[in-house]
Amino acid sequence: MRVDVVGKHLEVTEAIRTYADTKVAKLLKFSERVQLITVRLEKEPPKHFHVEVVVDVEKHDDFVGHCKGEDLYHCIDEAVDKVSRQLTTFKEKTKGV
């Protein structure tokens, strides 16, 4: 499993990369079929951020969470929470089958 942290109009520092890695690590508990997690960070003028978390799960469409706001770390948290809810629903559906 691989985690990519990509920045657009934003330098991805080691602190941001570490924070994003620790947050998305909790997504692995939902499925052992997670292949790739991509965290896209974009800075929009004047001081707004757009965060997108994409989780690639084997034999399923990607799970995607978005967040826009003024605090980058809060946006990462929100986007990860959105994907977490999607993965929870997916896990509950497949558990019954």
Protein backbone atom coordinates (compact mmCIF):
# COMPACT_ATOMS: atom_id res chain seq x y z
CA MET A 1 0.00 0.00 0.00
CA ARG A 2 1.32 3.39 -1.01
CA VAL A 3 0.49 6.91 0.19
CA ASP A 4 1.15 9.86 -2.13
CA VAL A 5 0.95 13.44 -0.85
CA VAL A 6 0.90 15.89 -3.74
CA GLY A 7 0.85 19.69 -3.57
CA LYS A 8 -0.35 22.17 -6.18
CA HIS A 9 0.72 25.79 -5.68
CA LEU A 10 1.94 24.59 -2.29
CA GLU A 11 5.20 23.17 -1.00
CA VAL A 12 4.58 19.92 0.85
CA THR A 13 6.77 20.14 3.93
CA GLU A 14 7.82 17.15 6.00
CA ALA A 15 5.39 18.19 8.75
CA ILE A 16 2.44 18.25 6.32
CA ARG A 17 3.48 14.91 4.80
CA THR A 18 3.81 13.27 8.23
CA TYR A 19 0.46 14.65 9.38
CA ALA A 20 -1.31 13.41 6.24
CA ASP A 21 0.38 9.99 6.51
CA THR A 22 -0.75 9.50 10.10
CA LYS A 23 -4.32 10.56 9.31
CA VAL A 24 -4.75 8.30 6.28
CA ALA A 25 -3.13 5.35 8.07
CA LYS A 26 -6.40 4.81 9.96
CA LEU A 27 -8.16 4.13 6.64
CA LEU A 28 -6.31 0.83 6.31
CA LYS A 29 -8.43 -0.78 9.03
CA PHE A 30 -11.51 -0.70 6.78
CA SER A 31 -10.19 -2.90 4.01
CA GLU A 32 -7.10 -4.94 3.33
CA ARG A 33 -7.70 -4.34 -0.38
CA VAL A 34 -6.57 -0.69 -0.26
CA GLN A 35 -3.86 -0.27 -2.90
CA LEU A 36 -3.16 3.46 -3.03
CA ILE A 37 -4.11 6.56 -1.08
CA THR A 38 -3.54 9.93 -2.74
CA VAL A 39 -3.78 13.19 -0.80
CA ARG A 40 -3.96 16.22 -3.10
CA LEU A 41 -3.35 19.59 -1.45
CA GLU A 42 -4.04 22.78 -3.37
CA LYS A 43 -3.62 26.38 -2.27
CA GLU A 44 -6.13 28.81 -3.73
CA PRO A 45 -5.65 32.57 -3.42
CA PRO A 46 -5.72 34.40 -1.12
CA LYS A 47 -5.52 31.87 1.73
CA HIS A 48 -7.86 28.98 1.01
CA PHE A 49 -6.99 25.33 0.69
CA HIS A 50 -8.63 22.49 -1.20
CA VAL A 51 -7.87 18.95 -0.03
CA GLU A 52 -8.87 15.80 -1.88
CA VAL A 53 -8.29 12.29 -0.51
CA VAL A 54 -8.62 9.43 -3.02
CA VAL A 55 -8.56 5.81 -1.85
CA ASP A 56 -8.04 3.16 -4.52
CA VAL A 57 -9.59 -0.14 -3.42
CA GLU A 58 -9.09 -3.31 -5.44
CA LYS A 59 -12.14 -4.30 -7.54
CA HIS A 60 -14.11 -1.15 -6.61
CA ASP A 61 -14.41 2.45 -7.73
CA ASP A 62 -12.26 4.99 -5.91
CA PHE A 63 -13.51 6.54 -2.69
CA VAL A 64 -13.10 10.33 -2.73
CA GLY A 65 -13.40 13.00 -0.03
CA HIS A 66 -13.09 16.78 -0.56
CA CYS A 67 -12.79 19.74 1.76
CA LYS A 68 -12.22 23.45 1.25
CA GLY A 69 -11.28 25.87 4.00
CA GLU A 70 -8.75 28.24 5.50
CA ASP A 71 -6.94 25.72 7.72
CA LEU A 72 -4.99 23.06 5.84
CA TYR A 73 -4.83 20.60 8.74
CA HIS A 74 -8.56 20.89 9.42
CA CYS A 75 -9.26 20.24 5.71
CA ILE A 76 -7.10 17.11 5.80
CA ASP A 77 -9.07 15.89 8.84
CA GLU A 78 -12.44 16.58 7.18
CA ALA A 79 -11.51 14.88 3.90
CA VAL A 80 -10.21 11.80 5.71
CA ASP A 81 -13.41 11.66 7.82
CA LYS A 82 -15.55 11.77 4.66
CA VAL A 83 -13.64 8.89 3.08
CA SER A 84 -13.76 7.03 6.39
CA ARG A 85 -17.57 7.20 6.39
CA GLN A 86 -17.68 5.94 2.79
CA LEU A 87 -15.40 3.02 3.62
CA THR A 88 -17.46 2.18 6.71
CA THR A 89 -20.62 1.98 4.60
CA PHE A 90 -18.81 -0.13 2.00
CA LYS A 91 -17.51 -2.51 4.68
CA GLU A 92 -20.97 -2.92 6.21
CA LYS A 93 -22.51 -3.68 2.80
CA THR A 94 -19.90 -6.29 1.92
CA LYS A 95 -20.06 -7.87 5.37
CA GLY A 96 -23.67 -8.90 4.81
CA VAL A 97 -22.86 -10.60 1.50
